[in-house]
Structures are given as structure tokens and as C-alpha cells.
Amino acid sequence: MTRRPGRSPASLCLSLCWSFCLVLAPAGARAELIPRPQVGSAVGLASLAFEPELTLGADVLIPLALDDPRAALALAAGVKWAVLVPARGDLRLALGAAASYRLTGGWAASCAGFALGTRAQNEAGTLYGVGVELRCQPSYFFDAWSFGLDLGVQSALSTHVEHSATARHTFEERYPPGSAGITGPRDGWYRFTATRFRIGVASSHHWGDNWSGALALGSLFALQDQGVLFAFNLAQVPLYLEVAAGYAW
């Protein structure tokens, strides 16, 4: 195959992808994917996102003990599912760690890194991807609110493509009789198939020590049109919107 299939499900990639959303006030447990200062509880998170395809997500955070009260560290795992065409089974699994550090004057910085495993399907075929993601959120918090930036990068390190009959049909009668040419697209692994960047803003609010909600919006833009990360099977629209609700226990 001389080129990758165009506009694959991950031409936009996602976003956690994960519904991180911003730094909260220092008191009480926070239900968010990037751990905040003084968060010592396990956290469950449910999210709804348009990135730009509609997805549902579920995540869990398990905190690790640290001596510095200004720092937080947690292991994280989750799944995200594209719900518009359930039969395709488009989903992403993520496993990684997240950390935050409280600075002076109400500021805090949070980052998370993940290894990703993705499955997606479109007219070109079925794609399986492995990749990585880094997402950071410098934020200012006061009382029960937080506001800040939402910055990140996501890269598909390798994508395995199983071409559909439709894709193979495009090679029929491509060359005149007697001419040698490519018999059809080749299934297999293709490396560095897509990279997507995130830039946006986010805000969050907490209620008591257990419940919290968050909102993030901004732009997702890709350097390549191929690969599989997390825009699934939708045209290139470089925008995202995420809402999340979490519970800490």
C-alpha cells in the first residue's frame, strides 16, 4: 500500500481524551482525573464529550501516599466509547499516572501521562492503535471554583489497518490491461500515524467533600489526517467540549 487510508477514525485523535478538568480548591476530596493538592481519596469519574464525536467515558483514580502535602500522585485507568454507532465498537483504553503540585497564591499545576489502546472502524476498514498522551492544566483556584488552561498532545505510535472490501474495491481496474501495479491495499502496522494537539480552557466546581463537576472546551488540531487515536469516524472538526461529574470516596 502506497499510502494510509484517508480520514481514519483518528484523524482528530482525543481526547482524553480523558475528562480532566481543572484544579479545585484545596479543601476536601476532588473527583477529577488529574489529582489535586490534598486529595487523598479514590475517585470515580463519568464524562460526556464532543471531540467532535459523541463519547461516554468512565475513569478511576487510585491515590498514592506522598510526604509533601502540596503534591498529589495517583494511578489512573479508564475507557471511552463512541456511542453514535455502537455496533462498530469504537473505544479507547488508557492506563497511566497523574500528578499535581500546589504553588503559591492560589495557583496549581497538574499533568497526566497515559498509554493508550484504541479500536476504531470506518469505511476504510478496522484500525487498532497504540499511543501515548500528555495533558497538563495550569490553574487558579478559589473557594469551590477553579479556572485555567487545558493543554495536551496525543500521538498514535503505531496503527494496525485491516482494510475493508470497499477499500480493496478501489484498486480494481486501476491499471490498464497488461500493466503492472499494486494489487490492493496492504494490511499491517503503520508507525506514527497521527498526532493531535489540545489547547483550551476549563473550569470546575465542587460540592462538599465528595461531588464535583467540570467543563472544558477548546480546539483539537492534528498534523496528519491518518491514524487512530480518538476522533473515530467523523470529518475534521478541530473543536472539543467535555463535561464531567465525579465522586470521591
Foldseek 3Di string as FASTA:
>chain_A
DPDFDFQALPLQFDDVVPDAFDEEDQDFADAGDAGAQQHQFKKWKWKWKPQPATKIKIKIWHWDDDPDSQKTKTWMWMKMFRPPDVVFGWMKIKTWMKMKGDDPDQKIKIKIKIWMWTWFADQFFIKIFIWMKMWMWIWGYDDFKIKTKIWMKIWTFKMWGDGDPNQQVVQPPPDPPPDDDDNGDDTGMDGGFKMKIWIWMKMKGADHNWKIKMKIKGFIHIPHRTDDHHNHRDDDDGIMIMMMMMTTD
